[in-house]
Amino acid sequence: MTRIAALGAALGLAGCMSLPQTEALMAARPAGLAPRVELEEVPYHRQDDFLCGPAALAMVFNAAGVPADVASVTPLVYLPGRQGSLQAEMLGATRRSGLVAYTPAPRLEDLLRELAAGTPVVVLVNFSFMRALPVWHYAVLVGYDLERREFVVRSAGRRRDLWSFAFLEFFWQDGEHWSMLALPPGRIPATATEAGYAAAVAALEQAGRPREAREAYRALLARWPASELGLLGLGNTEYALKDLAAAERAFRRASDAHPASAAALNNLAHVLAALGRYEEAEAAARRAAAQAGPLQAQARRTLEEILRRR
C-alpha cells in the first residue's frame, strides 16, 4: 500500500516538479545502449519486514557467484536498533564477502550502463514524503526499457516490479542518489573511473581480503597499466601474501612509471631490504628521501633503518 500511494503521488507530482535526469534521458537516449535489458538470471529473495538490505545483498551476491540468502546475510548488515541496514554495513559486508563494493556516480545513465553491462544495481530510496519519518528501502535494479522509460526491479514481495525513470529519480534523491554494485574481483564496473575503482579495491584490501584485492588490482592494471594507485596496491597485497619478488616487481614498475613517487620508491626500498639487497635498497631509499612532501619523513626513517642494518 505504501508503494501504491507513493507511486500515485509521484505521478501526480511529475507535472509540477523538475526531474532533470529523467528529462535528459527523455530528450536524448544515451549512446551505445541496447534499447532494453533484463537480467533474468539474478535470483529473487523476498524482502520481508525490515530485511530489504540483507535480501538485496543476497541477490547481488548470488549474481556475483557468492552463495548467500537472507538468513546468512542478515547478521552481517542488520542493525536491530535501527530496524534496518545502513550503507556502511552494506558496503562492508560486501567487501568481507570477497567482492568489490563500488558506488557508481549518482546518475540514472550510469545505472543504465551498469545494467547493460550485466551488473544488477542496489539502490536506496525513501518512499516517504515526510523527511522526519523516512521510509527507507533497498531495491535491486535488474533491467530497463528505454522506450517505456522504466526500470525492472526486484523489490519487497515482487520478483519483477516496474518503476518509471521519474519514479526512481524522485524517491532516490533523499538518499543522495546512492547505489552500489557487488562485483567479483576480476571484473571492473562499466562506469568505473581509475581513482574510484582503486579506492574500492583498497577498501577490499583493508577488509582483510588480500587475495581478492590482488586479483582486483591486476584487473585495474589491465585497464590502466600505469596506474600508480594500482601498482602500489598490487605491491602491498603481494607483500602481505609474502611474495616479495612479486612485490618488488610491482613497486619497481610503479617507480619506473612514476619516478617522483616517494611512496613507490620507499616501498621498493623496504622490499629490497627485506630481500637482503641493501645496496639497491639504499639507492631507492635515498631517492625517496629526496622527494619533498608528506612522505619525506617516513622515507628518511626507511633510509636510516637500511643504513643501520647494512
C-alpha atoms as a PDB file:
ATOM      1  CA  MET A   1       0.000   0.000   0.000  1.00  0.00           C
ATOM      2  CA  THR A   2       2.901   2.348   0.742  1.00  0.00           C
ATOM      3  CA  ARG A   3       4.300   1.755  -2.708  1.00  0.00           C
ATOM      4  CA  ILE A   4       0.920   2.250  -4.431  1.00  0.00           C
ATOM      5  CA  ALA A   5       0.291   5.514  -2.590  1.00  0.00           C
ATOM      6  CA  ALA A   6       3.813   6.712  -3.313  1.00  0.00           C
ATOM      7  CA  LEU A   7       3.505   5.834  -6.986  1.00  0.00           C
ATOM      8  CA  GLY A   8       0.251   7.731  -7.326  1.00  0.00           C
ATOM      9  CA  ALA A   9       1.711  10.763  -5.609  1.00  0.00           C
ATOM     10  CA  ALA A  10       4.842  10.656  -7.745  1.00  0.00           C
ATOM     11  CA  LEU A  11       2.808  10.518 -10.923  1.00  0.00           C
ATOM     12  CA  GLY A  12       0.725  13.432  -9.701  1.00  0.00           C
ATOM     13  CA  LEU A  13       3.835  15.477  -8.934  1.00  0.00           C
ATOM     14  CA  ALA A  14       5.624  14.653 -12.175  1.00  0.00           C
ATOM     15  CA  GLY A  15       3.954  17.504 -13.985  1.00  0.00           C
ATOM     16  CA  CYS A  16       4.822  20.202 -11.454  1.00  0.00           C
ATOM     17  CA  MET A  17       8.385  19.456 -10.403  1.00  0.00           C
ATOM     18  CA  SER A  18      11.709  19.157 -12.141  1.00  0.00           C
ATOM     19  CA  LEU A  19      13.295  15.737 -12.602  1.00  0.00           C
ATOM     20  CA  PRO A  20      16.393  16.758 -14.576  1.00  0.00           C
ATOM     21  CA  GLN A  21      17.904  13.322 -15.088  1.00  0.00           C
ATOM     22  CA  THR A  22      14.666  11.857 -16.404  1.00  0.00           C
ATOM     23  CA  GLU A  23      14.137  14.880 -18.619  1.00  0.00           C
ATOM     24  CA  ALA A  24      17.643  14.500 -20.051  1.00  0.00           C
ATOM     25  CA  LEU A  25      17.059  10.820 -20.817  1.00  0.00           C
ATOM     26  CA  MET A  26      13.759  11.674 -22.456  1.00  0.00           C
ATOM     27  CA  ALA A  27      15.386  14.387 -24.570  1.00  0.00           C
ATOM     28  CA  ALA A  28      18.229  12.170 -25.813  1.00  0.00           C
ATOM     29  CA  ARG A  29      18.872   8.478 -25.332  1.00  0.00           C
ATOM     30  CA  PRO A  30      22.375   7.637 -24.096  1.00  0.00           C
ATOM     31  CA  ALA A  31      24.576   6.477 -26.945  1.00  0.00           C
ATOM     32  CA  GLY A  32      25.593   2.846 -27.233  1.00  0.00           C
ATOM     33  CA  LEU A  33      22.883   1.351 -25.025  1.00  0.00           C
ATOM     34  CA  ALA A  34      20.667  -1.543 -26.029  1.00  0.00           C
ATOM     35  CA  PRO A  35      17.012  -0.426 -26.135  1.00  0.00           C
ATOM     36  CA  ARG A  36      16.088  -2.899 -23.399  1.00  0.00           C
ATOM     37  CA  VAL A  37      17.910  -5.199 -20.987  1.00  0.00           C
ATOM     38  CA  GLU A  38      16.706  -7.643 -18.355  1.00  0.00           C
ATOM     39  CA  LEU A  39      18.996  -9.746 -16.176  1.00  0.00           C
ATOM     40  CA  GLU A  40      16.557 -12.577 -15.657  1.00  0.00           C
ATOM     41  CA  GLU A  41      19.200 -14.808 -14.071  1.00  0.00           C
ATOM     42  CA  VAL A  42      19.532 -12.568 -10.988  1.00  0.00           C
ATOM     43  CA  PRO A  43      17.863 -14.559  -8.184  1.00  0.00           C
ATOM     44  CA  TYR A  44      14.994 -13.119  -6.208  1.00  0.00           C
ATOM     45  CA  HIS A  45      14.914 -13.073  -2.398  1.00  0.00           C
ATOM     46  CA  ARG A  46      11.734 -11.760  -0.830  1.00  0.00           C
ATOM     47  CA  GLN A  47      12.219  -8.627   1.259  1.00  0.00           C
ATOM     48  CA  ASP A  48      10.137  -9.186   4.373  1.00  0.00           C
ATOM     49  CA  ASP A  49       9.701  -6.774   7.286  1.00  0.00           C
ATOM     50  CA  PHE A  50      12.889  -4.722   7.746  1.00  0.00           C
ATOM     51  CA  LEU A  51      15.177  -7.085   5.812  1.00  0.00           C
ATOM     52  CA  CYS A  52      15.307  -5.330   2.453  1.00  0.00           C
ATOM     53  CA  GLY A  53      19.054  -4.746   2.915  1.00  0.00           C
ATOM     54  CA  PRO A  54      20.015  -8.387   3.524  1.00  0.00           C
ATOM     55  CA  ALA A  55      17.694  -9.553   0.740  1.00  0.00           C
ATOM     56  CA  ALA A  56      19.128  -7.022  -1.721  1.00  0.00           C
ATOM     57  CA  LEU A  57      22.673  -8.095  -0.894  1.00  0.00           C
ATOM     58  CA  ALA A  58      21.770 -11.777  -1.207  1.00  0.00           C
ATOM     59  CA  MET A  59      20.520 -11.093  -4.743  1.00  0.00           C
ATOM     60  CA  VAL A  60      23.635  -9.268  -5.926  1.00  0.00           C
ATOM     61  CA  PHE A  61      25.937 -11.688  -4.064  1.00  0.00           C
ATOM     62  CA  ASN A  62      24.306 -14.574  -5.913  1.00  0.00           C
ATOM     63  CA  ALA A  63      24.662 -12.709  -9.210  1.00  0.00           C
ATOM     64  CA  ALA A  64      28.389 -12.303  -8.464  1.00  0.00           C
ATOM     65  CA  GLY A  65      28.795 -16.017  -7.719  1.00  0.00           C
ATOM     66  CA  VAL A  66      28.767 -15.888  -3.908  1.00  0.00           C
ATOM     67  CA  PRO A  67      26.325 -18.261  -2.171  1.00  0.00           C
ATOM     68  CA  ALA A  68      24.029 -16.286   0.128  1.00  0.00           C
ATOM     69  CA  ASP A  69      20.459 -15.969   1.335  1.00  0.00           C
ATOM     70  CA  VAL A  70      18.595 -13.596   3.619  1.00  0.00           C
ATOM     71  CA  ALA A  71      19.352 -15.661   6.709  1.00  0.00           C
ATOM     72  CA  SER A  72      23.110 -15.735   6.069  1.00  0.00           C
ATOM     73  CA  VAL A  73      23.414 -12.044   5.188  1.00  0.00           C
ATOM     74  CA  THR A  74      21.199 -10.625   7.945  1.00  0.00           C
ATOM     75  CA  PRO A  75      23.812 -10.956  10.757  1.00  0.00           C
ATOM     76  CA  LEU A  76      26.304  -9.089   8.548  1.00  0.00           C
ATOM     77  CA  VAL A  77      24.249  -5.943   8.000  1.00  0.00           C
ATOM     78  CA  TYR A  78      21.046  -5.787  10.037  1.00  0.00           C
ATOM     79  CA  LEU A  79      21.003  -3.327  12.954  1.00  0.00           C
ATOM     80  CA  PRO A  80      18.109  -4.195  15.308  1.00  0.00           C
ATOM     81  CA  GLY A  81      18.195  -0.796  16.960  1.00  0.00           C
ATOM     82  CA  ARG A  82      17.610   0.877  13.620  1.00  0.00           C
ATOM     83  CA  GLN A  83      15.373  -1.854  12.221  1.00  0.00           C
ATOM     84  CA  GLY A  84      17.368  -1.828   9.024  1.00  0.00           C
ATOM     85  CA  SER A  85      20.799  -1.636   7.417  1.00  0.00           C
ATOM     86  CA  LEU A  86      22.981   1.404   6.800  1.00  0.00           C
ATOM     87  CA  GLN A  87      25.005   1.931   3.633  1.00  0.00           C
ATOM     88  CA  ALA A  88      28.272   1.435   5.529  1.00  0.00           C
ATOM     89  CA  GLU A  89      27.156  -2.033   6.626  1.00  0.00           C
ATOM     90  CA  MET A  90      26.054  -2.884   3.072  1.00  0.00           C
ATOM     91  CA  LEU A  91      29.448  -1.922   1.660  1.00  0.00           C
ATOM     92  CA  GLY A  92      31.410  -3.542   4.489  1.00  0.00           C
ATOM     93  CA  ALA A  93      29.572  -6.856   4.256  1.00  0.00           C
ATOM     94  CA  THR A  94      30.204  -6.933   0.512  1.00  0.00           C
ATOM     95  CA  ARG A  95      33.933  -6.477   1.000  1.00  0.00           C
ATOM     96  CA  ARG A  96      34.142  -9.019   3.815  1.00  0.00           C
ATOM     97  CA  SER A  97      32.473 -11.487   1.454  1.00  0.00           C
ATOM     98  CA  GLY A  98      35.344 -11.066  -1.000  1.00  0.00           C
ATOM     99  CA  LEU A  99      33.567  -8.831  -3.518  1.00  0.00           C
ATOM    100  CA  VAL A 100      34.400  -5.344  -4.708  1.00  0.00           C
ATOM    101  CA  ALA A 101      31.794  -2.853  -3.453  1.00  0.00           C
ATOM    102  CA  TYR A 102      31.572   0.044  -5.896  1.00  0.00           C
ATOM    103  CA  THR A 103      29.321   3.099  -5.683  1.00  0.00           C
ATOM    104  CA  PRO A 104      28.529   4.487  -9.143  1.00  0.00           C
ATOM    105  CA  ALA A 105      28.142   8.173  -9.854  1.00  0.00           C
ATOM    106  CA  PRO A 106      24.682   9.487  -8.851  1.00  0.00           C
ATOM    107  CA  ARG A 107      23.253   9.407 -12.373  1.00  0.00           C
ATOM    108  CA  LEU A 108      20.433   7.392 -13.914  1.00  0.00           C
ATOM    109  CA  GLU A 109      22.566   6.968 -17.020  1.00  0.00           C
ATOM    110  CA  ASP A 110      25.269   5.202 -15.004  1.00  0.00           C
ATOM    111  CA  LEU A 111      22.669   2.785 -13.637  1.00  0.00           C
ATOM    112  CA  LEU A 112      21.555   2.041 -17.193  1.00  0.00           C
ATOM    113  CA  ARG A 113      25.117   1.426 -18.335  1.00  0.00           C
ATOM    114  CA  GLU A 114      25.835  -0.967 -15.474  1.00  0.00           C
ATOM    115  CA  LEU A 115      22.674  -2.917 -16.259  1.00  0.00           C
ATOM    116  CA  ALA A 116      23.602  -3.003 -19.942  1.00  0.00           C
ATOM    117  CA  ALA A 117      26.967  -4.482 -18.903  1.00  0.00           C
ATOM    118  CA  GLY A 118      25.187  -7.243 -16.991  1.00  0.00           C
ATOM    119  CA  THR A 119      25.519  -5.939 -13.444  1.00  0.00           C
ATOM    120  CA  PRO A 120      22.497  -5.615 -11.116  1.00  0.00           C
ATOM    121  CA  VAL A 121      22.396  -2.420  -9.054  1.00  0.00           C
ATOM    122  CA  VAL A 122      21.262  -1.887  -5.458  1.00  0.00           C
ATOM    123  CA  VAL A 123      19.532   1.476  -4.981  1.00  0.00           C
ATOM    124  CA  LEU A 124      18.414   3.211  -1.786  1.00  0.00           C
ATOM    125  CA  VAL A 125      15.100   5.091  -1.954  1.00  0.00           C
ATOM    126  CA  ASN A 126      12.926   6.925   0.554  1.00  0.00           C
ATOM    127  CA  PHE A 127       9.215   6.284  -0.027  1.00  0.00           C
ATOM    128  CA  SER A 128       8.105   8.915   2.473  1.00  0.00           C
ATOM    129  CA  PHE A 129       7.050  12.481   1.702  1.00  0.00           C
ATOM    130  CA  MET A 130       7.832  13.459   5.307  1.00  0.00           C
ATOM    131  CA  ARG A 131      11.567  13.618   5.844  1.00  0.00           C
ATOM    132  CA  ALA A 132      11.085  13.422   9.593  1.00  0.00           C
ATOM    133  CA  LEU A 133       9.539   9.958   9.084  1.00  0.00           C
ATOM    134  CA  PRO A 134      11.557   8.354   6.297  1.00  0.00           C
ATOM    135  CA  VAL A 135      10.638   5.002   4.773  1.00  0.00           C
ATOM    136  CA  TRP A 136      13.989   3.791   3.507  1.00  0.00           C
ATOM    137  CA  HIS A 137      14.108   0.837   1.157  1.00  0.00           C
ATOM    138  CA  TYR A 138      16.801  -1.048  -0.761  1.00  0.00           C
ATOM    139  CA  ALA A 139      15.761  -2.467  -4.126  1.00  0.00           C
ATOM    140  CA  VAL A 140      17.683  -4.217  -6.889  1.00  0.00           C
ATOM    141  CA  LEU A 141      17.541  -2.981 -10.472  1.00  0.00           C
ATOM    142  CA  VAL A 142      17.788  -5.848 -12.937  1.00  0.00           C
ATOM    143  CA  GLY A 143      16.801  -4.245 -16.218  1.00  0.00           C
ATOM    144  CA  TYR A 144      15.384  -1.314 -18.145  1.00  0.00           C
ATOM    145  CA  ASP A 145      13.320  -0.387 -21.198  1.00  0.00           C
ATOM    146  CA  LEU A 146      14.332   2.890 -22.862  1.00  0.00           C
ATOM    147  CA  GLU A 147      11.174   3.085 -24.945  1.00  0.00           C
ATOM    148  CA  ARG A 148       8.892   2.693 -21.934  1.00  0.00           C
ATOM    149  CA  ARG A 149      11.295   4.698 -19.746  1.00  0.00           C
ATOM    150  CA  GLU A 150      11.218   2.256 -16.893  1.00  0.00           C
ATOM    151  CA  PHE A 151      13.394   0.008 -14.785  1.00  0.00           C
ATOM    152  CA  VAL A 152      12.794  -3.648 -13.976  1.00  0.00           C
ATOM    153  CA  VAL A 153      13.170  -4.087 -10.225  1.00  0.00           C
ATOM    154  CA  ARG A 154      13.331  -6.826  -7.580  1.00  0.00           C
ATOM    155  CA  SER A 155      11.590  -5.182  -4.629  1.00  0.00           C
ATOM    156  CA  ALA A 156       9.680  -6.202  -1.497  1.00  0.00           C
ATOM    157  CA  GLY A 157       7.293  -9.014  -2.416  1.00  0.00           C
ATOM    158  CA  ARG A 158       7.640  -8.530  -6.157  1.00  0.00           C
ATOM    159  CA  ARG A 159      10.103 -10.504  -8.223  1.00  0.00           C
ATOM    160  CA  ARG A 160       9.510  -8.241 -11.223  1.00  0.00           C
ATOM    161  CA  ASP A 161       8.324  -4.740 -10.463  1.00  0.00           C
ATOM    162  CA  LEU A 162       8.351  -1.842 -12.935  1.00  0.00           C
ATOM    163  CA  TRP A 163       9.449   1.658 -11.894  1.00  0.00           C
ATOM    164  CA  SER A 164       9.411   4.599 -14.262  1.00  0.00           C
ATOM    165  CA  PHE A 165      12.599   6.649 -14.571  1.00  0.00           C
ATOM    166  CA  ALA A 166      10.709   9.543 -12.928  1.00  0.00           C
ATOM    167  CA  PHE A 167       9.549   7.348 -10.030  1.00  0.00           C
ATOM    168  CA  LEU A 168      13.086   6.235  -9.234  1.00  0.00           C
ATOM    169  CA  GLU A 169      14.614   9.687  -9.617  1.00  0.00           C
ATOM    170  CA  PHE A 170      12.018  11.248  -7.315  1.00  0.00           C
ATOM    171  CA  PHE A 171      12.352   8.733  -4.469  1.00  0.00           C
ATOM    172  CA  TRP A 172      16.102   8.291  -4.986  1.00  0.00           C
ATOM    173  CA  GLN A 173      17.033  11.891  -4.245  1.00  0.00           C
ATOM    174  CA  ASP A 174      16.720  11.868  -0.423  1.00  0.00           C
ATOM    175  CA  GLY A 175      19.476   9.253  -0.226  1.00  0.00           C
ATOM    176  CA  GLU A 176      21.692  11.477  -2.391  1.00  0.00           C
ATOM    177  CA  HIS A 177      21.178   9.122  -5.335  1.00  0.00           C
ATOM    178  CA  TRP A 178      23.115   6.343  -3.591  1.00  0.00           C
ATOM    179  CA  SER A 179      23.617   2.990  -5.286  1.00  0.00           C
ATOM    180  CA  MET A 180      26.110   0.151  -5.114  1.00  0.00           C
ATOM    181  CA  LEU A 181      27.468  -2.776  -7.093  1.00  0.00           C
ATOM    182  CA  ALA A 182      28.873  -6.063  -5.785  1.00  0.00           C
ATOM    183  CA  LEU A 183      31.393  -7.431  -8.274  1.00  0.00           C
ATOM    184  CA  PRO A 184      33.808 -10.367  -8.472  1.00  0.00           C
ATOM    185  CA  PRO A 185      37.384  -9.086  -8.025  1.00  0.00           C
ATOM    186  CA  GLY A 186      38.383  -9.534 -11.669  1.00  0.00           C
ATOM    187  CA  ARG A 187      35.507  -7.502 -13.085  1.00  0.00           C
ATOM    188  CA  ILE A 188      35.557  -3.717 -13.445  1.00  0.00           C
ATOM    189  CA  PRO A 189      32.311  -1.707 -13.467  1.00  0.00           C
ATOM    190  CA  ALA A 190      31.278  -0.336 -16.838  1.00  0.00           C
ATOM    191  CA  THR A 191      31.268   3.213 -15.447  1.00  0.00           C
ATOM    192  CA  ALA A 192      34.353   2.910 -13.248  1.00  0.00           C
ATOM    193  CA  THR A 193      36.983   5.614 -13.008  1.00  0.00           C
ATOM    194  CA  GLU A 194      40.575   4.761 -12.184  1.00  0.00           C
ATOM    195  CA  ALA A 195      40.528   6.602  -8.864  1.00  0.00           C
ATOM    196  CA  GLY A 196      37.075   5.351  -7.887  1.00  0.00           C
ATOM    197  CA  TYR A 197      37.842   1.724  -8.626  1.00  0.00           C
ATOM    198  CA  ALA A 198      41.258   1.925  -6.932  1.00  0.00           C
ATOM    199  CA  ALA A 199      39.569   3.252  -3.796  1.00  0.00           C
ATOM    200  CA  ALA A 200      37.028   0.424  -3.911  1.00  0.00           C
ATOM    201  CA  VAL A 201      39.797  -2.176  -4.211  1.00  0.00           C
ATOM    202  CA  ALA A 202      41.801  -0.556  -1.417  1.00  0.00           C
ATOM    203  CA  ALA A 203      38.727  -0.866   0.808  1.00  0.00           C
ATOM    204  CA  LEU A 204      38.525  -4.570  -0.098  1.00  0.00           C
ATOM    205  CA  GLU A 205      42.187  -4.947   0.855  1.00  0.00           C
ATOM    206  CA  GLN A 206      41.592  -3.160   4.170  1.00  0.00           C
ATOM    207  CA  ALA A 207      38.687  -5.513   4.863  1.00  0.00           C
ATOM    208  CA  GLY A 208      41.199  -8.356   5.152  1.00  0.00           C
ATOM    209  CA  ARG A 209      40.802  -9.898   1.685  1.00  0.00           C
ATOM    210  CA  PRO A 210      44.313  -9.550   0.171  1.00  0.00           C
ATOM    211  CA  ARG A 211      43.937 -12.365  -2.365  1.00  0.00           C
ATOM    212  CA  GLU A 212      40.760 -10.900  -3.809  1.00  0.00           C
ATOM    213  CA  ALA A 213      42.278  -7.412  -3.698  1.00  0.00           C
ATOM    214  CA  ARG A 214      45.326  -8.655  -5.604  1.00  0.00           C
ATOM    215  CA  GLU A 215      43.067 -10.040  -8.332  1.00  0.00           C
ATOM    216  CA  ALA A 216      41.175  -6.755  -8.476  1.00  0.00           C
ATOM    217  CA  TYR A 217      44.386  -4.709  -8.676  1.00  0.00           C
ATOM    218  CA  ARG A 218      45.509  -6.888 -11.573  1.00  0.00           C
ATOM    219  CA  ALA A 219      42.226  -6.159 -13.337  1.00  0.00           C
ATOM    220  CA  LEU A 220      42.686  -2.451 -12.647  1.00  0.00           C
ATOM    221  CA  LEU A 221      46.168  -2.543 -14.177  1.00  0.00           C
ATOM    222  CA  ALA A 222      44.890  -4.381 -17.233  1.00  0.00           C
ATOM    223  CA  ARG A 223      42.636  -1.359 -17.825  1.00  0.00           C
ATOM    224  CA  TRP A 224      45.058   1.352 -16.582  1.00  0.00           C
ATOM    225  CA  PRO A 225      48.591  -0.151 -16.872  1.00  0.00           C
ATOM    226  CA  ALA A 226      50.442   2.857 -15.451  1.00  0.00           C
ATOM    227  CA  SER A 227      48.092   3.476 -12.510  1.00  0.00           C
ATOM    228  CA  GLU A 228      50.186   4.495  -9.524  1.00  0.00           C
ATOM    229  CA  LEU A 229      47.411   3.512  -7.119  1.00  0.00           C
ATOM    230  CA  GLY A 230      47.027   0.155  -8.822  1.00  0.00           C
ATOM    231  CA  LEU A 231      50.753  -0.631  -8.822  1.00  0.00           C
ATOM    232  CA  LEU A 232      51.178   0.400  -5.190  1.00  0.00           C
ATOM    233  CA  GLY A 233      48.128  -1.607  -4.198  1.00  0.00           C
ATOM    234  CA  LEU A 234      49.338  -4.665  -6.077  1.00  0.00           C
ATOM    235  CA  GLY A 235      52.748  -4.409  -4.436  1.00  0.00           C
ATOM    236  CA  ASN A 236      51.158  -4.086  -0.996  1.00  0.00           C
ATOM    237  CA  THR A 237      48.970  -7.154  -1.479  1.00  0.00           C
ATOM    238  CA  GLU A 238      51.878  -9.205  -2.847  1.00  0.00           C
ATOM    239  CA  TYR A 239      53.889  -8.200   0.209  1.00  0.00           C
ATOM    240  CA  ALA A 240      51.016  -9.108   2.529  1.00  0.00           C
ATOM    241  CA  LEU A 241      50.839 -12.508   0.832  1.00  0.00           C
ATOM    242  CA  LYS A 242      54.610 -12.883   1.389  1.00  0.00           C
ATOM    243  CA  ASP A 243      55.547 -12.903  -2.319  1.00  0.00           C
ATOM    244  CA  LEU A 244      58.432 -10.465  -2.007  1.00  0.00           C
ATOM    245  CA  ALA A 245      59.664 -10.978  -5.573  1.00  0.00           C
ATOM    246  CA  ALA A 246      56.247 -10.066  -6.958  1.00  0.00           C
ATOM    247  CA  ALA A 247      56.052  -7.083  -4.585  1.00  0.00           C
ATOM    248  CA  GLU A 248      59.419  -5.882  -5.850  1.00  0.00           C
ATOM    249  CA  ARG A 249      58.245  -6.134  -9.460  1.00  0.00           C
ATOM    250  CA  ALA A 250      55.114  -4.107  -8.716  1.00  0.00           C
ATOM    251  CA  PHE A 251      56.944  -1.370  -6.799  1.00  0.00           C
ATOM    252  CA  ARG A 252      59.677  -1.212  -9.453  1.00  0.00           C
ATOM    253  CA  ARG A 253      57.017  -0.769 -12.138  1.00  0.00           C
ATOM    254  CA  ALA A 254      55.488   1.983 -10.017  1.00  0.00           C
ATOM    255  CA  SER A 255      58.816   3.776  -9.529  1.00  0.00           C
ATOM    256  CA  ASP A 256      59.678   3.482 -13.235  1.00  0.00           C
ATOM    257  CA  ALA A 257      56.283   4.847 -14.296  1.00  0.00           C
ATOM    258  CA  HIS A 258      56.265   7.495 -11.548  1.00  0.00           C
ATOM    259  CA  PRO A 259      59.900   8.380 -10.797  1.00  0.00           C
ATOM    260  CA  ALA A 260      58.923  11.176  -8.422  1.00  0.00           C
ATOM    261  CA  SER A 261      56.651   8.936  -6.333  1.00  0.00           C
ATOM    262  CA  ALA A 262      58.059   8.820  -2.811  1.00  0.00           C
ATOM    263  CA  ALA A 263      55.583   6.042  -1.928  1.00  0.00           C
ATOM    264  CA  ALA A 264      56.758   3.798  -4.764  1.00  0.00           C
ATOM    265  CA  LEU A 265      60.439   4.393  -4.021  1.00  0.00           C
ATOM    266  CA  ASN A 266      60.038   3.974  -0.265  1.00  0.00           C
ATOM    267  CA  ASN A 267      58.098   0.723  -0.672  1.00  0.00           C
ATOM    268  CA  LEU A 268      60.638  -0.555  -3.177  1.00  0.00           C
ATOM    269  CA  ALA A 269      63.457   0.221  -0.732  1.00  0.00           C
ATOM    270  CA  HIS A 270      61.606  -1.572   2.055  1.00  0.00           C
ATOM    271  CA  VAL A 271      61.106  -4.740  -0.023  1.00  0.00           C
ATOM    272  CA  LEU A 272      64.685  -4.750  -1.331  1.00  0.00           C
ATOM    273  CA  ALA A 273      65.919  -4.548   2.246  1.00  0.00           C
ATOM    274  CA  ALA A 274      63.655  -7.453   3.204  1.00  0.00           C
ATOM    275  CA  LEU A 275      65.278  -9.402   0.354  1.00  0.00           C
ATOM    276  CA  GLY A 276      68.737  -8.575   1.758  1.00  0.00           C
ATOM    277  CA  ARG A 277      69.700  -6.395  -1.210  1.00  0.00           C
ATOM    278  CA  TYR A 278      70.844  -3.462   0.881  1.00  0.00           C
ATOM    279  CA  GLU A 279      72.848  -1.567  -1.732  1.00  0.00           C
ATOM    280  CA  GLU A 280      69.842  -1.367  -4.061  1.00  0.00           C
ATOM    281  CA  ALA A 281      67.577  -0.629  -1.093  1.00  0.00           C
ATOM    282  CA  GLU A 282      69.767   2.282  -0.019  1.00  0.00           C
ATOM    283  CA  ALA A 283      69.717   3.772  -3.521  1.00  0.00           C
ATOM    284  CA  ALA A 284      65.911   3.597  -3.674  1.00  0.00           C
ATOM    285  CA  ALA A 285      65.572   4.990  -0.147  1.00  0.00           C
ATOM    286  CA  ARG A 286      67.844   7.944  -0.966  1.00  0.00           C
ATOM    287  CA  ARG A 287      65.727   8.766  -3.998  1.00  0.00           C
ATOM    288  CA  ALA A 288      62.574   8.542  -1.867  1.00  0.00           C
ATOM    289  CA  ALA A 289      64.033  10.766   0.867  1.00  0.00           C
ATOM    290  CA  ALA A 290      64.973  13.370  -1.746  1.00  0.00           C
ATOM    291  CA  GLN A 291      61.304  13.843  -2.731  1.00  0.00           C
ATOM    292  CA  ALA A 292      59.644  16.731  -0.928  1.00  0.00           C
ATOM    293  CA  GLY A 293      56.200  16.062   0.501  1.00  0.00           C
ATOM    294  CA  PRO A 294      54.286  14.381   3.313  1.00  0.00           C
ATOM    295  CA  LEU A 295      56.167  11.063   2.958  1.00  0.00           C
ATOM    296  CA  GLN A 296      59.642  12.553   3.217  1.00  0.00           C
ATOM    297  CA  ALA A 297      59.993  11.922   6.955  1.00  0.00           C
ATOM    298  CA  GLN A 298      58.910   8.303   6.545  1.00  0.00           C
ATOM    299  CA  ALA A 299      61.351   7.827   3.654  1.00  0.00           C
ATOM    300  CA  ARG A 300      64.167   9.199   5.786  1.00  0.00           C
ATOM    301  CA  ARG A 301      63.314   6.724   8.547  1.00  0.00           C
ATOM    302  CA  THR A 302      63.416   3.909   5.994  1.00  0.00           C
ATOM    303  CA  LEU A 303      66.847   5.081   4.834  1.00  0.00           C
ATOM    304  CA  GLU A 304      68.137   5.258   8.415  1.00  0.00           C
ATOM    305  CA  GLU A 305      66.905   1.725   9.104  1.00  0.00           C
ATOM    306  CA  ILE A 306      68.596   0.395   5.962  1.00  0.00           C
ATOM    307  CA  LEU A 307      71.877   2.091   6.862  1.00  0.00           C
ATOM    308  CA  ARG A 308      71.660   0.660  10.377  1.00  0.00           C
ATOM    309  CA  ARG A 309      71.105  -2.867   9.056  1.00  0.00           C
ATOM    310  CA  ARG A 310      73.897  -2.788   6.441  1.00  0.00           C
END
